[in-house]
Amino acid sequence: MKKLGSNFRKTMLALAAAGLFASHATAVPVVEPSVDQPVVLAAGDCYAIGQQVAEQNGGTLAKASSATRGGQQVCVIVVLVPGKDGQRPRRSEIVVPAG
């Protein structure tokens, strides 16, 4: 009985390891951008831009998302700027060209 439990444990560990390896191997498809395919802005880029904008405005980043406005890729940044004299924070939406 002990041998069966030991083999079961080893099999489960091997399956779990194989599953982790397979999920990492397939999680990031490799796509080479070309002139025919436009590069799409990742939300992470807008987040990094949003952090910079929030820092410049003395606030906290609340939201960062990518959007298309007028056919151009932009980042829509929402910053919470602290209120004066204990008032509520002020919400400021800033649209920044992507990239």
N, C-alpha and C. Protein backbone atom coordinates (compact mmCIF):
# COMPACT_ATOMS: atom_id res chain seq x y z
N MET A 1 0.82 -1.19 0.00
CA MET A 1 0.00 0.00 0.00
C MET A 1 0.86 1.25 0.00
N LYS A 2 1.99 1.20 0.77
CA LYS A 2 2.87 2.36 0.81
C LYS A 2 3.47 2.63 -0.57
N LYS A 3 3.79 1.56 -1.29
CA LYS A 3 4.39 1.72 -2.61
C LYS A 3 3.40 2.37 -3.57
N LEU A 4 2.12 2.01 -3.48
CA LEU A 4 1.09 2.60 -4.33
C LEU A 4 0.95 4.10 -4.04
N GLY A 5 0.96 4.48 -2.77
CA GLY A 5 0.87 5.90 -2.39
C GLY A 5 2.09 6.68 -2.88
N SER A 6 3.26 6.05 -2.77
CA SER A 6 4.49 6.70 -3.20
C SER A 6 4.49 6.91 -4.72
N ASN A 7 4.05 5.89 -5.46
CA ASN A 7 3.98 6.01 -6.92
C ASN A 7 2.94 7.06 -7.32
N PHE A 8 1.82 7.09 -6.61
CA PHE A 8 0.78 8.07 -6.90
C PHE A 8 1.31 9.49 -6.69
N ARG A 9 2.01 9.69 -5.59
CA ARG A 9 2.59 11.01 -5.29
C ARG A 9 3.58 11.43 -6.38
N LYS A 10 4.43 10.51 -6.79
CA LYS A 10 5.42 10.81 -7.83
C LYS A 10 4.74 11.15 -9.16
N THR A 11 3.69 10.39 -9.48
CA THR A 11 2.95 10.65 -10.72
C THR A 11 2.29 12.01 -10.69
N MET A 12 1.67 12.35 -9.57
CA MET A 12 0.99 13.64 -9.45
C MET A 12 1.99 14.80 -9.54
N LEU A 13 3.14 14.65 -8.90
CA LEU A 13 4.18 15.69 -8.99
C LEU A 13 4.67 15.85 -10.42
N ALA A 14 4.87 14.74 -11.12
CA ALA A 14 5.32 14.80 -12.51
C ALA A 14 4.27 15.48 -13.39
N LEU A 15 2.98 15.15 -13.17
CA LEU A 15 1.92 15.79 -13.96
C LEU A 15 1.83 17.28 -13.66
N ALA A 16 1.97 17.64 -12.40
CA ALA A 16 1.92 19.06 -12.03
C ALA A 16 3.08 19.83 -12.66
N ALA A 17 4.27 19.23 -12.61
CA ALA A 17 5.43 19.89 -13.21
C ALA A 17 5.25 20.02 -14.72
N ALA A 18 4.73 18.97 -15.35
CA ALA A 18 4.50 19.03 -16.80
C ALA A 18 3.46 20.08 -17.14
N GLY A 19 2.43 20.20 -16.31
CA GLY A 19 1.40 21.21 -16.53
C GLY A 19 1.95 22.62 -16.40
N LEU A 20 2.79 22.85 -15.39
CA LEU A 20 3.40 24.16 -15.24
C LEU A 20 4.29 24.50 -16.42
N PHE A 21 5.08 23.53 -16.84
CA PHE A 21 5.96 23.76 -17.98
C PHE A 21 5.15 24.06 -19.23
N ALA A 22 4.10 23.29 -19.46
CA ALA A 22 3.29 23.48 -20.66
C ALA A 22 2.57 24.83 -20.63
N SER A 23 2.11 25.26 -19.45
CA SER A 23 1.41 26.55 -19.38
C SER A 23 2.36 27.70 -19.66
N HIS A 24 3.61 27.59 -19.19
CA HIS A 24 4.58 28.65 -19.46
C HIS A 24 5.03 28.62 -20.92
N ALA A 25 5.11 27.45 -21.47
CA ALA A 25 5.57 27.33 -22.85
C ALA A 25 4.54 27.87 -23.84
N THR A 26 3.27 27.75 -23.52
CA THR A 26 2.23 28.20 -24.45
C THR A 26 1.67 29.56 -24.09
N ALA A 27 2.08 30.13 -22.96
CA ALA A 27 1.49 31.39 -22.51
C ALA A 27 1.91 32.58 -23.37
N VAL A 28 3.09 32.54 -23.94
CA VAL A 28 3.61 33.69 -24.68
C VAL A 28 3.86 33.28 -26.12
N PRO A 29 2.89 33.48 -26.99
CA PRO A 29 3.15 33.16 -28.39
C PRO A 29 4.12 34.16 -29.01
N VAL A 30 4.97 33.67 -29.85
CA VAL A 30 5.96 34.54 -30.49
C VAL A 30 5.39 35.01 -31.82
N VAL A 31 5.21 36.33 -31.93
CA VAL A 31 4.69 36.92 -33.16
C VAL A 31 5.68 38.00 -33.57
N GLU A 32 6.16 37.90 -34.75
CA GLU A 32 7.10 38.89 -35.24
C GLU A 32 6.34 40.00 -35.96
N PRO A 33 6.40 41.24 -35.44
CA PRO A 33 5.67 42.32 -36.11
C PRO A 33 6.30 42.63 -37.47
N SER A 34 5.46 43.01 -38.40
CA SER A 34 5.94 43.38 -39.72
C SER A 34 5.26 44.66 -40.15
N VAL A 35 5.58 45.14 -41.31
CA VAL A 35 4.99 46.37 -41.82
C VAL A 35 3.49 46.19 -42.04
N ASP A 36 3.08 44.99 -42.41
CA ASP A 36 1.66 44.73 -42.67
C ASP A 36 0.83 44.64 -41.41
N GLN A 37 1.44 44.26 -40.29
CA GLN A 37 0.72 44.12 -39.04
C GLN A 37 1.09 45.26 -38.11
N PRO A 38 0.12 46.11 -37.73
CA PRO A 38 0.46 47.18 -36.78
C PRO A 38 0.73 46.59 -35.40
N VAL A 39 1.60 47.22 -34.66
CA VAL A 39 1.90 46.79 -33.30
C VAL A 39 0.84 47.39 -32.39
N VAL A 40 0.18 46.55 -31.61
CA VAL A 40 -0.87 47.01 -30.72
C VAL A 40 -0.26 47.35 -29.37
N LEU A 41 -0.64 48.49 -28.84
CA LEU A 41 -0.12 48.95 -27.56
C LEU A 41 -0.64 48.06 -26.45
N ALA A 42 0.24 47.63 -25.58
CA ALA A 42 -0.17 46.79 -24.46
C ALA A 42 -0.62 47.67 -23.30
N ALA A 43 -1.56 47.15 -22.52
CA ALA A 43 -2.08 47.90 -21.38
C ALA A 43 -0.96 48.21 -20.39
N GLY A 44 0.05 47.37 -20.30
CA GLY A 44 1.17 47.60 -19.40
C GLY A 44 1.92 48.86 -19.73
N ASP A 45 2.02 49.21 -21.01
CA ASP A 45 2.69 50.45 -21.40
C ASP A 45 1.91 51.64 -20.86
N CYS A 46 0.60 51.62 -20.96
CA CYS A 46 -0.23 52.71 -20.45
C CYS A 46 -0.10 52.81 -18.94
N TYR A 47 0.03 51.67 -18.28
CA TYR A 47 0.18 51.68 -16.83
C TYR A 47 1.48 52.39 -16.44
N ALA A 48 2.56 52.10 -17.15
CA ALA A 48 3.84 52.75 -16.86
C ALA A 48 3.76 54.25 -17.13
N ILE A 49 3.11 54.61 -18.23
CA ILE A 49 2.92 56.03 -18.55
C ILE A 49 2.06 56.68 -17.47
N GLY A 50 1.02 55.96 -17.02
CA GLY A 50 0.13 56.47 -15.98
C GLY A 50 0.84 56.72 -14.68
N GLN A 51 1.77 55.86 -14.32
CA GLN A 51 2.54 56.07 -13.10
C GLN A 51 3.36 57.35 -13.19
N GLN A 52 3.94 57.61 -14.35
CA GLN A 52 4.73 58.83 -14.54
C GLN A 52 3.83 60.07 -14.46
N VAL A 53 2.66 60.01 -15.10
CA VAL A 53 1.73 61.14 -15.10
C VAL A 53 1.24 61.42 -13.68
N ALA A 54 0.92 60.36 -12.94
CA ALA A 54 0.46 60.52 -11.56
C ALA A 54 1.53 61.17 -10.69
N GLU A 55 2.77 60.73 -10.89
CA GLU A 55 3.88 61.30 -10.13
C GLU A 55 4.07 62.78 -10.46
N GLN A 56 3.96 63.13 -11.74
CA GLN A 56 4.12 64.52 -12.16
C GLN A 56 3.02 65.41 -11.59
N ASN A 57 1.82 64.84 -11.40
CA ASN A 57 0.69 65.62 -10.90
C ASN A 57 0.54 65.51 -9.38
N GLY A 58 1.43 64.81 -8.73
CA GLY A 58 1.38 64.69 -7.28
C GLY A 58 0.19 63.88 -6.79
N GLY A 59 -0.25 62.91 -7.58
CA GLY A 59 -1.41 62.11 -7.22
C GLY A 59 -1.13 60.64 -7.25
N THR A 60 -2.21 59.86 -7.21
CA THR A 60 -2.14 58.41 -7.23
C THR A 60 -2.83 57.89 -8.48
N LEU A 61 -2.19 56.95 -9.15
CA LEU A 61 -2.78 56.36 -10.35
C LEU A 61 -3.99 55.51 -9.96
N ALA A 62 -5.15 55.82 -10.54
CA ALA A 62 -6.37 55.05 -10.27
C ALA A 62 -6.68 54.10 -11.41
N LYS A 63 -6.38 54.51 -12.64
CA LYS A 63 -6.72 53.69 -13.80
C LYS A 63 -5.85 54.10 -14.98
N ALA A 64 -5.47 53.11 -15.78
CA ALA A 64 -4.72 53.38 -17.01
C ALA A 64 -5.21 52.38 -18.05
N SER A 65 -5.68 52.90 -19.18
CA SER A 65 -6.17 52.02 -20.24
C SER A 65 -5.81 52.60 -21.59
N SER A 66 -5.74 51.72 -22.59
CA SER A 66 -5.45 52.18 -23.95
C SER A 66 -6.77 52.35 -24.69
N ALA A 67 -6.79 53.28 -25.63
CA ALA A 67 -7.98 53.55 -26.42
C ALA A 67 -7.55 54.12 -27.77
N THR A 68 -8.49 54.20 -28.68
CA THR A 68 -8.25 54.81 -29.98
C THR A 68 -9.13 56.05 -30.06
N ARG A 69 -8.52 57.17 -30.27
CA ARG A 69 -9.26 58.43 -30.40
C ARG A 69 -8.78 59.13 -31.66
N GLY A 70 -9.71 59.38 -32.57
CA GLY A 70 -9.35 60.03 -33.82
C GLY A 70 -8.40 59.19 -34.65
N GLY A 71 -8.52 57.86 -34.54
CA GLY A 71 -7.65 56.97 -35.30
C GLY A 71 -6.25 56.84 -34.73
N GLN A 72 -6.02 57.40 -33.55
CA GLN A 72 -4.69 57.39 -32.96
C GLN A 72 -4.73 56.66 -31.61
N GLN A 73 -3.73 55.83 -31.34
CA GLN A 73 -3.66 55.12 -30.07
C GLN A 73 -3.29 56.11 -28.96
N VAL A 74 -4.07 56.11 -27.88
CA VAL A 74 -3.80 56.98 -26.74
C VAL A 74 -3.92 56.17 -25.46
N CYS A 75 -3.39 56.72 -24.38
CA CYS A 75 -3.56 56.16 -23.05
C CYS A 75 -4.48 57.09 -22.27
N VAL A 76 -5.52 56.53 -21.69
CA VAL A 76 -6.44 57.29 -20.86
C VAL A 76 -6.04 57.03 -19.42
N ILE A 77 -5.57 58.07 -18.76
CA ILE A 77 -5.03 57.97 -17.41
C ILE A 77 -5.97 58.67 -16.44
N VAL A 78 -6.31 58.00 -15.34
CA VAL A 78 -7.12 58.62 -14.29
C VAL A 78 -6.25 58.72 -13.05
N VAL A 79 -6.10 59.95 -12.56
CA VAL A 79 -5.25 60.24 -11.41
C VAL A 79 -6.11 60.82 -10.30
N LEU A 80 -5.89 60.38 -9.07
CA LEU A 80 -6.54 60.96 -7.91
C LEU A 80 -5.55 61.90 -7.24
N VAL A 81 -5.88 63.20 -7.29
CA VAL A 81 -5.01 64.23 -6.73
C VAL A 81 -5.57 64.59 -5.35
N PRO A 82 -4.72 64.61 -4.32
CA PRO A 82 -5.21 64.90 -2.97
C PRO A 82 -5.92 66.25 -2.91
N GLY A 83 -7.03 66.29 -2.16
CA GLY A 83 -7.78 67.53 -1.98
C GLY A 83 -7.07 68.46 -1.01
N LYS A 84 -7.45 69.71 -1.03
CA LYS A 84 -6.86 70.71 -0.14
C LYS A 84 -7.66 70.77 1.17
N ASP A 85 -6.98 71.02 2.25
CA ASP A 85 -7.60 71.18 3.57
C ASP A 85 -8.48 70.00 3.96
N GLY A 86 -8.02 68.77 3.71
CA GLY A 86 -8.74 67.59 4.12
C GLY A 86 -9.93 67.22 3.25
N GLN A 87 -10.10 67.89 2.12
CA GLN A 87 -11.21 67.56 1.23
C GLN A 87 -10.93 66.25 0.50
N ARG A 88 -11.96 65.73 -0.16
CA ARG A 88 -11.84 64.50 -0.93
C ARG A 88 -10.84 64.68 -2.07
N PRO A 89 -10.21 63.58 -2.49
CA PRO A 89 -9.31 63.67 -3.64
C PRO A 89 -10.08 64.07 -4.90
N ARG A 90 -9.38 64.77 -5.76
CA ARG A 90 -9.97 65.22 -7.02
C ARG A 90 -9.59 64.22 -8.10
N ARG A 91 -10.57 63.82 -8.91
CA ARG A 91 -10.35 62.86 -10.01
C ARG A 91 -9.98 63.64 -11.25
N SER A 92 -8.85 63.29 -11.85
CA SER A 92 -8.40 63.99 -13.05
C SER A 92 -8.13 62.96 -14.15
N GLU A 93 -8.81 63.12 -15.30
CA GLU A 93 -8.59 62.21 -16.44
C GLU A 93 -7.70 62.90 -17.45
N ILE A 94 -6.62 62.24 -17.81
CA ILE A 94 -5.62 62.81 -18.72
C ILE A 94 -5.45 61.85 -19.88
N VAL A 95 -5.53 62.36 -21.10
CA VAL A 95 -5.34 61.55 -22.30
C VAL A 95 -3.96 61.89 -22.87
N VAL A 96 -3.14 60.86 -23.02
CA VAL A 96 -1.76 61.04 -23.46
C VAL A 96 -1.53 60.19 -24.71
N PRO A 97 -0.87 60.73 -25.74
CA PRO A 97 -0.55 59.89 -26.90
C PRO A 97 0.28 58.69 -26.48
N ALA A 98 -0.04 57.55 -27.02
CA ALA A 98 0.69 56.32 -26.67
C ALA A 98 2.06 56.33 -27.31
N GLY A 99 3.02 55.86 -26.53
CA GLY A 99 4.37 55.68 -27.06
C GLY A 99 5.07 56.92 -27.12
